[in-house]
Amino acid sequence: MSASAATMAAPAMPAEGALPKGRMIGYFAMVLGMFMAILDIQIVSSSLTEIQAGLSASADEISWVQTSYLIAEVIMIPFSGYLSRLLSTRVLFTISAASFTLASIGCAMATNLETMIVLRALQGFLGGAMIPTVFATTYMIFPRNKMAGATVIIGLVATLAPTIGPTLGGYLTQLFSWHWLFLINIVPGIAVIALVWSFMDIDKPDYSLIKGFDYSGLIGLALFLGSLEYVLEEGTRKDWFADEAMRWFALASFIGALVFFWRSLTYRNPIVDLKAFRNRNFATGCLFSLTIGVGLYGLVYLLPLYLGRVQGLNSLQIGEIMFITGLAQFCSAPLAGFLARKSPDPRPVLAFGFALLAASTWMMSGLTGDWKFDELLIPQIMRGAALMFCIVPINVIALGTLPQSELKNASGLYNLTRNLGGAFGLAGINTIMTERTNFHWNRMVDFINPGRWEVQQYIDSIAGMFGDRSPADQTQLAIRMLTNKVQGQAYLMSFIDVFFLLSLLFAAAAVAVVLAQKPKQTPAPGDAH
């Protein structure tokens, strides 16, 4: 975009003072829309079994209810910057919210898996524009003295929504039915559409961007990110490159990446402008965003997995335990906001946040088979607070010093790194757990050889529990119980390994904060064009 167009698209705002009331209403409506879009990433995760039964799908097929949403959303997030400049913030956000709401109604009415997958992809793609648009709008409209509070709000939403998603989904499914996972979006969706259209006319469209639209770049972007997301989502289940389809998708991602980066770096009007990465703080902020994505989505996945498979808890019981993390995030938000306002340098706060997150996961590496609410309370409180102390300064470091002409594109790239961090994190966690479970099983299997006297004594003591069976059946059942117990211990030890490795990752991130520069004073909206 030319300098004149950028100036026209981003009207000047005073450096200090109150935001107009109508604009505040519209902004909070946008935040609600972002909350809905992020929430829907995880809201179905605790209810896939019920959706599977309702759609008569297989266990392998039902995962596409979540995968299709993620693939579509990850393509839209970086593309949204271009669309926002083309259509304007108000038009893009209204279209995105309306499409998301209509797709939600369609998902609730779906009667077969194929329809659900298509509608979930539309929901993720069309609704995905809401997330980065809110981040860019925050830095476009707020005066300096209000920026810290706004940053806390979007940081809270970005971390709280995926945390409470499985909890809310479990409650809705248990109390009503899985259809309400989608019907819940209708009323707030209508409110978002009306309020954003009425109050958020903050920039003008630039239809000149239609000329020379980079179709090759868009195809490359879709191939690159869509195929990459599929590989990361399905890799562990399909044994990675042992599966032929995985090899083809990996090749498609590689070719798409070549096309996308070539067009982004050489085309005069690229779909995604990468020049924001020349800003050192934006580049390091994206690195930290990638890391926080691992923690945010990886830990939301790990803990319910432990509580469900090791403890045997249902979705409601898991939700009640997971609620502590969300409560800690909410309670720590004011302190995070205070530090953001008072601290001239966000780096110490970010280092503290990553250190606290590392301490939380290190405590979880002491996990045993009987940890429940009491044992998980302190680590969860620490994790919830740590996420807020991380996300707020990361926002400031990555976006707070960019000129407005780069904000829309940069916001898409920044939010993309968080989602990719989650995808890489989940793929890595599942792979490590599989490998470490096998490793621990192979180490322990020698110790349960029935030829050993201690093992035989243990088998004999268990066999006595099956007095109504023949001696041979008693021995077989006892061996099976012992094997299952050892497999359970191997699985539990893989959780311990993952939590320990995550603590090292977050500790390294705390040290890597020195890579960022102390941000210069944040430019007021309208100052930089």
Protein backbone atom coordinates (compact mmCIF):
# COMPACT_ATOMS: atom_id res chain seq x y z
CA MET A 1 0.00 0.00 0.00
CA SER A 2 1.24 3.45 -0.76
CA ALA A 3 1.95 5.94 1.98
CA SER A 4 -1.06 8.02 1.01
CA ALA A 5 -3.34 5.03 1.00
CA ALA A 6 -2.04 3.94 4.36
CA THR A 7 -2.69 7.38 5.77
CA MET A 8 -6.23 7.37 4.44
CA ALA A 9 -6.80 3.87 5.83
CA ALA A 10 -5.64 4.78 9.33
CA PRO A 11 -6.99 8.11 10.53
CA ALA A 12 -4.95 9.89 13.14
CA MET A 13 -5.85 9.49 16.79
CA PRO A 14 -4.77 11.60 19.76
CA ALA A 15 -1.80 10.35 21.72
CA GLU A 16 -3.77 10.62 24.96
CA GLY A 17 -7.41 10.72 25.95
CA ALA A 18 -10.51 8.57 26.06
CA LEU A 19 -11.70 6.44 23.16
CA PRO A 20 -15.18 7.42 21.92
CA LYS A 21 -17.91 5.36 23.60
CA GLY A 22 -19.27 3.94 20.36
CA ARG A 23 -15.84 2.81 19.27
CA MET A 24 -15.30 1.09 22.63
CA ILE A 25 -18.58 -0.80 22.17
CA GLY A 26 -17.54 -1.87 18.68
CA TYR A 27 -14.10 -2.90 19.87
CA PHE A 28 -15.45 -5.11 22.65
CA ALA A 29 -17.79 -6.68 20.10
CA MET A 30 -14.72 -7.50 18.01
CA VAL A 31 -13.04 -9.03 21.06
CA LEU A 32 -16.15 -11.18 21.61
CA GLY A 33 -15.92 -12.33 18.00
CA MET A 34 -12.25 -13.24 18.47
CA PHE A 35 -13.17 -15.15 21.64
CA MET A 36 -15.75 -17.18 19.70
CA ALA A 37 -13.27 -18.02 16.93
CA ILE A 38 -10.51 -19.14 19.32
CA LEU A 39 -12.97 -20.99 21.58
CA ASP A 40 -14.21 -23.10 18.67
CA ILE A 41 -10.72 -24.52 18.15
CA GLN A 42 -10.98 -26.48 21.41
CA ILE A 43 -14.68 -26.57 22.32
CA VAL A 44 -15.27 -29.82 20.40
CA SER A 45 -12.20 -31.60 21.78
CA SER A 46 -13.91 -33.05 24.87
CA SER A 47 -17.06 -34.06 22.96
CA LEU A 48 -15.72 -35.85 19.87
CA THR A 49 -17.10 -39.18 21.10
CA GLU A 50 -20.65 -37.78 21.29
CA ILE A 51 -20.31 -36.09 17.87
CA GLN A 52 -18.98 -39.36 16.46
CA ALA A 53 -22.06 -41.22 17.68
CA GLY A 54 -24.39 -38.51 16.37
CA LEU A 55 -22.84 -38.55 12.89
CA SER A 56 -22.21 -42.32 12.71
CA ALA A 57 -18.52 -41.76 12.06
CA SER A 58 -15.51 -43.93 12.83
CA ALA A 59 -12.90 -43.07 15.44
CA ASP A 60 -10.36 -42.20 12.70
CA GLU A 61 -12.80 -40.06 10.74
CA ILE A 62 -14.12 -37.95 13.62
CA SER A 63 -10.77 -36.24 14.18
CA TRP A 64 -11.47 -34.31 10.96
CA VAL A 65 -14.12 -32.30 12.82
CA GLN A 66 -11.22 -30.56 14.53
CA THR A 67 -8.52 -30.93 11.85
CA SER A 68 -10.61 -29.33 9.07
CA TYR A 69 -11.22 -26.25 11.25
CA LEU A 70 -7.53 -25.87 12.09
CA ILE A 71 -6.32 -26.30 8.50
CA ALA A 72 -8.78 -23.73 7.17
CA GLU A 73 -8.12 -21.23 9.97
CA VAL A 74 -4.35 -21.38 9.63
CA ILE A 75 -4.67 -20.42 5.94
CA MET A 76 -6.96 -17.46 6.61
CA ILE A 77 -4.97 -15.92 9.48
CA PRO A 78 -2.04 -14.60 7.38
CA PHE A 79 -4.35 -13.85 4.41
CA SER A 80 -6.58 -11.64 6.60
CA GLY A 81 -4.14 -8.72 6.51
CA TYR A 82 -4.54 -8.42 2.73
CA LEU A 83 -8.33 -8.73 2.97
CA SER A 84 -8.49 -6.11 5.72
CA ARG A 85 -6.66 -3.60 3.56
CA LEU A 86 -8.79 -4.50 0.55
CA LEU A 87 -12.21 -4.43 2.22
CA SER A 88 -11.60 -2.34 5.40
CA THR A 89 -11.67 -3.58 8.99
CA ARG A 90 -15.42 -3.12 9.42
CA VAL A 91 -16.46 -4.95 6.24
CA LEU A 92 -14.03 -7.86 6.69
CA PHE A 93 -14.91 -8.39 10.35
CA THR A 94 -18.65 -8.23 9.69
CA ILE A 95 -18.43 -10.70 6.82
CA SER A 96 -16.22 -12.97 8.93
CA ALA A 97 -18.58 -12.89 11.93
CA ALA A 98 -21.67 -13.44 9.78
CA SER A 99 -20.11 -16.36 7.90
CA PHE A 100 -18.85 -17.89 11.16
CA THR A 101 -22.34 -17.66 12.69
CA LEU A 102 -24.06 -19.17 9.64
CA ALA A 103 -21.51 -21.99 9.49
CA SER A 104 -22.11 -22.64 13.21
CA ILE A 105 -25.84 -23.08 12.54
CA GLY A 106 -24.99 -25.44 9.71
CA CYS A 107 -22.68 -27.50 11.96
CA ALA A 108 -25.46 -27.88 14.53
CA MET A 109 -27.83 -29.11 11.79
CA ALA A 110 -25.32 -31.49 10.14
CA THR A 111 -26.52 -35.09 9.87
CA ASN A 112 -23.43 -36.70 8.34
CA LEU A 113 -19.67 -36.41 8.68
CA GLU A 114 -19.01 -35.06 5.19
CA THR A 115 -21.33 -32.08 5.72
CA MET A 116 -19.84 -31.42 9.15
CA ILE A 117 -16.26 -31.41 7.80
CA VAL A 118 -17.12 -28.93 5.01
CA LEU A 119 -18.97 -26.62 7.39
CA ARG A 120 -16.22 -26.79 10.01
CA ALA A 121 -13.68 -25.85 7.33
CA LEU A 122 -15.85 -22.89 6.32
CA GLN A 123 -16.27 -21.95 9.97
CA GLY A 124 -12.51 -21.98 10.52
CA PHE A 125 -11.60 -20.22 7.27
CA LEU A 126 -14.22 -17.47 7.32
CA GLY A 127 -14.07 -16.95 11.08
CA GLY A 128 -10.28 -17.02 11.20
CA ALA A 129 -10.04 -13.41 10.01
CA MET A 130 -11.48 -12.17 13.31
CA ILE A 131 -8.44 -13.12 15.38
CA PRO A 132 -5.61 -11.10 13.76
CA THR A 133 -7.97 -8.23 12.91
CA VAL A 134 -8.58 -7.56 16.61
CA PHE A 135 -4.84 -7.47 17.36
CA ALA A 136 -4.20 -4.99 14.53
CA THR A 137 -7.20 -2.85 15.50
CA THR A 138 -5.95 -2.59 19.09
CA TYR A 139 -2.76 -0.89 17.97
CA MET A 140 -4.62 1.26 15.42
CA ILE A 141 -7.27 2.91 17.59
CA PHE A 142 -6.08 3.09 21.20
CA PRO A 143 -4.17 6.10 22.50
CA ARG A 144 -0.97 5.48 24.42
CA ASN A 145 -2.51 5.77 27.88
CA LYS A 146 -5.12 3.08 27.07
CA MET A 147 -2.89 0.65 25.16
CA ALA A 148 -1.80 -1.45 28.15
CA GLY A 149 -5.35 -2.23 29.26
CA ALA A 150 -6.41 -3.16 25.74
CA THR A 151 -3.38 -5.43 25.37
CA VAL A 152 -4.34 -7.25 28.57
CA ILE A 153 -7.88 -7.78 27.28
CA ILE A 154 -6.82 -9.38 24.00
CA GLY A 155 -4.09 -11.35 25.79
CA LEU A 156 -6.62 -12.70 28.27
CA VAL A 157 -9.01 -13.71 25.50
CA ALA A 158 -6.26 -15.33 23.41
CA THR A 159 -5.15 -17.53 26.33
CA LEU A 160 -8.43 -18.02 28.19
CA ALA A 161 -10.55 -19.17 25.23
CA PRO A 162 -8.53 -22.34 24.42
CA THR A 163 -8.13 -23.07 28.14
CA ILE A 164 -11.85 -23.12 28.92
CA GLY A 165 -12.89 -24.54 25.54
CA PRO A 166 -12.81 -28.23 26.60
CA THR A 167 -14.49 -27.35 29.92
CA LEU A 168 -17.35 -25.44 28.32
CA GLY A 169 -17.72 -28.08 25.63
CA GLY A 170 -17.97 -30.82 28.23
CA TYR A 171 -20.64 -28.96 30.19
CA LEU A 172 -22.76 -28.17 27.13
CA THR A 173 -22.61 -31.73 25.85
CA GLN A 174 -23.38 -33.30 29.24
CA LEU A 175 -26.23 -30.90 30.10
CA PHE A 176 -27.79 -30.53 26.62
CA SER A 177 -26.27 -32.16 23.52
CA TRP A 178 -23.27 -31.70 21.23
CA HIS A 179 -25.36 -29.48 18.94
CA TRP A 180 -25.06 -26.72 21.54
CA LEU A 181 -21.31 -26.53 20.93
CA PHE A 182 -22.31 -24.63 17.78
CA LEU A 183 -25.71 -23.15 18.68
CA ILE A 184 -24.04 -21.19 21.48
CA ASN A 185 -22.48 -18.95 18.79
CA ILE A 186 -25.75 -17.65 17.34
CA VAL A 187 -26.80 -14.91 19.79
CA PRO A 188 -23.32 -13.46 20.38
CA GLY A 189 -22.62 -13.76 16.66
CA ILE A 190 -25.63 -11.61 15.77
CA ALA A 191 -24.61 -9.06 18.41
CA VAL A 192 -21.06 -8.90 17.04
CA ILE A 193 -22.30 -8.35 13.49
CA ALA A 194 -24.61 -5.50 14.48
CA LEU A 195 -22.20 -3.70 16.80
CA VAL A 196 -19.11 -3.93 14.62
CA TRP A 197 -21.00 -2.68 11.57
CA SER A 198 -22.46 0.21 13.57
CA PHE A 199 -19.38 1.42 15.41
CA MET A 200 -16.12 0.31 13.76
CA ASP A 201 -15.81 2.43 10.63
CA ILE A 202 -12.13 3.13 11.34
CA ASP A 203 -10.50 2.81 7.91
CA LYS A 204 -11.33 2.80 4.23
CA PRO A 205 -11.09 -0.01 1.68
CA ASP A 206 -8.34 0.02 -0.92
CA TYR A 207 -9.89 -1.64 -3.97
CA SER A 208 -6.78 -0.95 -6.01
CA LEU A 209 -5.34 -4.09 -4.38
CA ILE A 210 -7.60 -6.19 -6.61
CA LYS A 211 -5.42 -5.28 -9.59
CA GLY A 212 -2.65 -7.79 -9.96
CA PHE A 213 -4.06 -10.14 -7.30
CA ASP A 214 -1.42 -12.79 -6.58
CA TYR A 215 -3.29 -16.03 -7.26
CA SER A 216 -0.04 -18.02 -7.34
CA GLY A 217 0.90 -16.71 -3.91
CA LEU A 218 -2.52 -17.61 -2.50
CA ILE A 219 -2.32 -21.14 -3.90
CA GLY A 220 1.21 -21.48 -2.50
CA LEU A 221 0.03 -20.21 0.91
CA ALA A 222 -2.88 -22.67 0.99
CA LEU A 223 -0.69 -25.61 -0.04
CA PHE A 224 2.09 -24.68 2.36
CA LEU A 225 0.07 -24.09 5.53
CA GLY A 226 -2.83 -26.44 4.83
CA SER A 227 -0.59 -29.42 4.09
CA LEU A 228 1.75 -28.56 6.98
CA GLU A 229 -1.17 -28.43 9.42
CA TYR A 230 -2.40 -31.81 8.15
CA VAL A 231 1.05 -33.39 8.54
CA LEU A 232 1.39 -32.06 12.08
CA GLU A 233 -2.14 -33.07 13.09
CA GLU A 234 -2.10 -36.58 11.63
CA GLY A 235 1.61 -37.43 11.72
CA THR A 236 1.76 -39.36 14.98
CA ARG A 237 -1.39 -41.37 14.25
CA LYS A 238 -0.17 -42.31 10.76
CA ASP A 239 3.45 -43.04 11.80
CA TRP A 240 4.72 -39.96 10.01
CA PHE A 241 6.54 -40.65 6.73
CA ALA A 242 5.92 -44.37 6.87
CA ASP A 243 2.51 -43.45 5.45
CA GLU A 244 2.40 -42.63 1.72
CA ALA A 245 -0.26 -39.91 2.10
CA MET A 246 1.91 -38.15 4.69
CA ARG A 247 4.83 -38.09 2.27
CA TRP A 248 2.67 -36.53 -0.44
CA PHE A 249 1.30 -33.88 1.91
CA ALA A 250 4.81 -33.08 3.14
CA LEU A 251 5.95 -32.67 -0.48
CA ALA A 252 2.93 -30.45 -1.22
CA SER A 253 3.78 -28.30 1.81
CA PHE A 254 7.39 -27.96 0.66
CA ILE A 255 6.42 -26.97 -2.89
CA GLY A 256 3.76 -24.58 -1.55
CA ALA A 257 6.34 -22.98 0.74
CA LEU A 258 8.72 -22.41 -2.17
CA VAL A 259 5.99 -20.78 -4.25
CA PHE A 260 4.67 -18.71 -1.34
CA PHE A 261 8.03 -17.33 -0.22
CA TRP A 262 9.15 -16.69 -3.79
CA ARG A 263 6.01 -14.66 -4.54
CA SER A 264 6.07 -12.88 -1.13
CA LEU A 265 9.66 -11.76 -1.66
CA THR A 266 9.49 -10.82 -5.35
CA TYR A 267 5.91 -9.87 -6.27
CA ARG A 268 4.99 -6.16 -6.14
CA ASN A 269 1.69 -6.81 -4.33
CA PRO A 270 2.11 -10.06 -2.34
CA ILE A 271 -0.68 -11.84 -0.50
CA VAL A 272 1.40 -11.70 2.69
CA ASP A 273 4.05 -9.00 3.09
CA LEU A 274 6.97 -10.41 5.07
CA LYS A 275 8.88 -7.15 5.53
CA ALA A 276 7.74 -6.87 9.17
CA PHE A 277 10.34 -9.56 9.94
CA ARG A 278 13.02 -6.98 9.30
CA ASN A 279 11.97 -5.52 12.65
CA ARG A 280 14.06 -7.40 15.21
CA ASN A 281 11.44 -7.18 17.94
CA PHE A 282 8.69 -8.45 15.66
CA ALA A 283 10.85 -11.44 14.66
CA THR A 284 11.74 -12.30 18.26
CA GLY A 285 8.13 -11.65 19.34
CA CYS A 286 6.96 -14.22 16.78
CA LEU A 287 9.53 -16.68 18.16
CA PHE A 288 8.12 -16.17 21.65
CA SER A 289 4.58 -16.44 20.27
CA LEU A 290 5.51 -19.80 18.72
CA THR A 291 6.81 -20.94 22.13
CA ILE A 292 3.74 -19.75 24.02
CA GLY A 293 1.61 -21.61 21.46
CA VAL A 294 3.37 -24.82 22.48
CA GLY A 295 2.58 -24.11 26.13
CA LEU A 296 -0.95 -22.89 25.59
CA TYR A 297 -2.27 -25.66 23.36
CA GLY A 298 0.13 -28.40 24.47
CA LEU A 299 -0.68 -28.12 28.17
CA VAL A 300 -4.43 -27.81 27.50
CA TYR A 301 -4.07 -31.12 25.66
CA LEU A 302 -1.75 -32.92 28.09
CA LEU A 303 -3.56 -32.46 31.38
CA PRO A 304 -7.01 -33.64 30.18
CA LEU A 305 -5.27 -36.58 28.52
CA TYR A 306 -3.71 -37.57 31.85
CA LEU A 307 -6.94 -37.07 33.80
CA GLY A 308 -8.98 -39.02 31.25
CA ARG A 309 -6.71 -41.96 30.47
CA VAL A 310 -4.82 -42.37 33.73
CA GLN A 311 -7.43 -41.18 36.23
CA GLY A 312 -10.49 -42.24 34.22
CA LEU A 313 -12.36 -38.94 34.80
CA ASN A 314 -15.21 -37.80 32.54
CA SER A 315 -15.36 -34.49 30.67
CA LEU A 316 -17.25 -32.71 33.45
CA GLN A 317 -14.76 -33.79 36.13
CA ILE A 318 -11.84 -32.81 33.90
CA GLY A 319 -13.47 -29.45 33.20
CA GLU A 320 -13.82 -28.70 36.91
CA ILE A 321 -10.10 -29.30 37.44
CA MET A 322 -9.05 -27.38 34.32
CA PHE A 323 -11.19 -24.41 35.38
CA ILE A 324 -8.49 -23.47 37.90
CA THR A 325 -6.11 -22.44 35.13
CA GLY A 326 -8.70 -20.17 33.56
CA LEU A 327 -9.54 -18.64 36.95
CA ALA A 328 -5.85 -17.97 37.60
CA GLN A 329 -5.54 -16.27 34.20
CA PHE A 330 -8.53 -14.06 34.94
CA CYS A 331 -7.27 -13.11 38.42
CA SER A 332 -3.72 -12.37 37.25
CA ALA A 333 -4.86 -10.17 34.33
CA PRO A 334 -5.07 -6.94 36.42
CA LEU A 335 -1.52 -7.44 37.69
CA ALA A 336 -0.30 -8.14 34.15
CA GLY A 337 -2.00 -4.94 33.03
CA PHE A 338 -0.47 -2.95 35.89
CA LEU A 339 3.01 -4.18 35.01
CA ALA A 340 2.41 -3.42 31.33
CA ARG A 341 1.47 0.18 32.20
CA LYS A 342 4.20 0.81 34.74
CA SER A 343 7.15 -1.07 33.26
CA PRO A 344 9.08 0.84 30.57
CA ASP A 345 10.60 -2.47 29.46
CA PRO A 346 8.40 -5.58 28.95
CA ARG A 347 11.35 -7.99 28.79
CA PRO A 348 11.75 -8.62 32.57
CA VAL A 349 8.02 -9.35 32.84
CA LEU A 350 8.26 -11.77 29.91
CA ALA A 351 11.31 -13.51 31.43
CA PHE A 352 9.42 -13.89 34.71
CA GLY A 353 6.40 -15.30 32.87
CA PHE A 354 8.44 -17.94 31.03
CA ALA A 355 10.33 -18.79 34.23
CA LEU A 356 7.03 -19.26 36.09
CA LEU A 357 5.73 -21.45 33.26
CA ALA A 358 8.94 -23.50 33.40
CA ALA A 359 8.54 -23.92 37.18
CA SER A 360 4.93 -25.04 36.71
CA THR A 361 5.80 -27.74 34.17
CA TRP A 362 8.83 -28.81 36.22
CA MET A 363 6.50 -29.40 39.19
CA MET A 364 4.34 -31.52 36.88
CA SER A 365 7.35 -33.72 36.14
CA GLY A 366 6.83 -35.13 39.65
CA LEU A 367 3.52 -36.59 38.49
CA THR A 368 2.25 -39.88 39.96
CA GLY A 369 -0.71 -42.05 39.10
CA ASP A 370 -2.94 -40.58 41.81
CA TRP A 371 -2.54 -36.82 41.27
CA LYS A 372 -5.92 -35.10 41.24
CA PHE A 373 -7.29 -31.70 42.22
CA ASP A 374 -5.15 -31.01 45.31
CA GLU A 375 -1.84 -31.98 43.73
CA LEU A 376 -2.61 -30.14 40.49
CA LEU A 377 -3.84 -26.93 42.16
CA ILE A 378 -0.54 -25.04 42.55
CA PRO A 379 0.92 -25.96 39.13
CA GLN A 380 -2.32 -24.89 37.46
CA ILE A 381 -2.42 -21.56 39.29
CA MET A 382 1.20 -20.94 38.31
CA ARG A 383 0.49 -21.87 34.68
CA GLY A 384 -2.54 -19.59 34.42
CA ALA A 385 -0.65 -16.61 35.85
CA ALA A 386 2.43 -17.35 33.73
CA LEU A 387 0.42 -17.31 30.50
CA MET A 388 -0.81 -13.79 31.24
CA PHE A 389 2.68 -12.58 32.20
CA CYS A 390 3.91 -13.95 28.86
CA ILE A 391 1.24 -12.99 26.35
CA VAL A 392 0.92 -9.31 27.30
CA PRO A 393 4.63 -8.42 26.93
CA ILE A 394 4.91 -10.59 23.80
CA ASN A 395 2.12 -8.51 22.22
CA VAL A 396 3.98 -5.31 23.11
CA ILE A 397 7.34 -6.58 21.84
CA ALA A 398 5.96 -7.95 18.56
CA LEU A 399 3.39 -5.33 17.55
CA GLY A 400 3.89 -2.31 19.75
CA THR A 401 6.59 -0.59 17.70
CA LEU A 402 5.48 -1.36 14.13
CA PRO A 403 4.20 1.43 11.88
CA GLN A 404 0.48 1.24 11.16
CA SER A 405 1.08 0.53 7.49
CA GLU A 406 2.51 -2.87 8.51
CA LEU A 407 0.15 -3.74 11.38
CA LYS A 408 -2.51 -5.65 9.46
CA ASN A 409 -0.10 -7.99 7.71
CA ALA A 410 2.09 -8.31 10.80
CA SER A 411 -0.87 -9.20 13.03
CA GLY A 412 -1.75 -12.12 10.76
CA LEU A 413 1.82 -13.42 10.81
CA TYR A 414 2.07 -12.96 14.58
CA ASN A 415 -1.14 -14.89 15.28
CA LEU A 416 -0.12 -17.55 12.78
CA THR A 417 3.02 -18.30 14.80
CA ARG A 418 0.96 -18.98 17.92
CA ASN A 419 -1.26 -21.45 16.05
CA LEU A 420 1.74 -23.10 14.42
CA GLY A 421 3.38 -23.35 17.84
CA GLY A 422 0.34 -25.24 19.04
CA ALA A 423 0.43 -27.54 16.01
CA PHE A 424 4.17 -28.23 16.34
CA GLY A 425 3.76 -28.67 20.09
CA LEU A 426 0.95 -31.22 19.82
CA ALA A 427 2.79 -33.16 17.12
CA GLY A 428 5.97 -33.18 19.20
CA ILE A 429 4.15 -34.14 22.40
CA ASN A 430 2.37 -37.07 20.77
CA THR A 431 5.54 -38.29 19.09
CA ILE A 432 7.61 -38.04 22.27
CA MET A 433 4.94 -39.80 24.30
CA THR A 434 4.77 -42.67 21.83
CA GLU A 435 8.56 -43.07 21.71
CA ARG A 436 9.07 -42.70 25.46
CA THR A 437 6.23 -45.09 26.31
CA ASN A 438 7.88 -47.72 24.12
CA PHE A 439 11.28 -46.90 25.66
CA HIS A 440 10.06 -47.31 29.24
CA TRP A 441 8.12 -50.46 28.37
CA ASN A 442 11.22 -52.06 26.84
CA ARG A 443 13.24 -51.16 29.92
CA MET A 444 10.69 -52.61 32.33
CA VAL A 445 9.62 -55.70 30.40
CA ASP A 446 12.68 -57.64 31.55
CA PHE A 447 11.66 -57.06 35.14
CA ILE A 448 8.29 -58.80 34.68
CA ASN A 449 9.72 -62.04 33.33
CA PRO A 450 7.67 -64.81 35.01
CA GLY A 451 10.92 -66.76 35.39
CA ARG A 452 12.02 -64.35 38.13
CA TRP A 453 11.14 -65.48 41.65
CA GLU A 454 9.76 -62.07 42.73
CA VAL A 455 7.55 -61.84 39.64
CA GLN A 456 6.25 -65.36 40.14
CA GLN A 457 5.39 -64.58 43.76
CA TYR A 458 3.47 -61.49 42.65
CA ILE A 459 1.61 -63.46 39.94
CA ASP A 460 0.67 -66.13 42.48
CA SER A 461 -0.70 -63.53 44.88
CA ILE A 462 -2.84 -61.98 42.15
CA ALA A 463 -3.98 -65.34 40.79
CA GLY A 464 -5.62 -66.06 44.11
CA MET A 465 -8.15 -63.32 43.34
CA PHE A 466 -9.64 -65.51 40.59
CA GLY A 467 -10.52 -68.54 42.67
CA ASP A 468 -13.44 -69.53 40.43
CA ARG A 469 -11.15 -70.07 37.41
CA SER A 470 -8.84 -72.92 36.45
CA PRO A 471 -5.17 -72.59 37.56
CA ALA A 472 -4.11 -71.88 33.96
CA ASP A 473 -6.73 -69.13 33.58
CA GLN A 474 -5.77 -67.67 36.95
CA THR A 475 -2.14 -67.39 35.85
CA GLN A 476 -3.07 -65.85 32.47
CA LEU A 477 -5.33 -63.26 34.09
CA ALA A 478 -2.65 -62.42 36.66
CA ILE A 479 -0.01 -61.96 33.93
CA ARG A 480 -2.41 -59.75 31.98
CA MET A 481 -3.05 -57.57 35.04
CA LEU A 482 0.68 -57.24 35.66
CA THR A 483 1.32 -56.37 32.01
CA ASN A 484 -1.40 -53.71 32.04
CA LYS A 485 0.05 -52.25 35.22
CA VAL A 486 3.52 -51.99 33.69
CA GLN A 487 2.10 -50.49 30.47
CA GLY A 488 0.27 -47.92 32.59
CA GLN A 489 3.50 -47.04 34.39
CA ALA A 490 5.34 -46.69 31.07
CA TYR A 491 2.59 -44.37 29.84
CA LEU A 492 2.72 -42.31 33.04
CA MET A 493 6.50 -41.99 32.78
CA SER A 494 6.10 -40.62 29.25
CA PHE A 495 3.97 -37.80 30.72
CA ILE A 496 6.77 -37.06 33.17
CA ASP A 497 9.31 -36.91 30.34
CA VAL A 498 7.16 -34.51 28.30
CA PHE A 499 6.59 -32.16 31.23
CA PHE A 500 10.32 -32.14 31.96
CA LEU A 501 11.19 -31.32 28.34
CA LEU A 502 8.59 -28.55 28.28
CA SER A 503 10.13 -27.05 31.43
CA LEU A 504 13.50 -26.93 29.62
CA LEU A 505 11.86 -25.24 26.60
CA PHE A 506 10.25 -22.53 28.70
CA ALA A 507 13.42 -22.00 30.75
CA ALA A 508 15.33 -21.52 27.50
CA ALA A 509 12.69 -19.02 26.36
CA ALA A 510 13.16 -17.06 29.60
CA VAL A 511 16.87 -16.76 28.83
CA ALA A 512 16.22 -15.94 25.14
CA VAL A 513 14.34 -12.79 26.15
CA VAL A 514 17.71 -11.00 25.87
CA LEU A 515 17.43 -11.40 22.07
CA ALA A 516 14.69 -8.77 22.04
CA GLN A 517 15.55 -5.10 22.20
CA LYS A 518 14.00 -2.75 24.71
CA PRO A 519 11.05 -1.35 22.75
CA LYS A 520 11.12 2.31 22.00
CA GLN A 521 8.09 4.29 23.06
CA THR A 522 5.04 2.82 21.37
CA PRO A 523 3.88 5.03 18.51
CA ALA A 524 0.49 6.50 19.07
CA PRO A 525 -2.18 5.58 16.55
CA GLY A 526 -1.75 7.81 13.58
CA ASP A 527 1.87 8.66 14.28
CA ALA A 528 3.48 6.21 11.90
CA HIS A 529 2.49 5.74 8.29
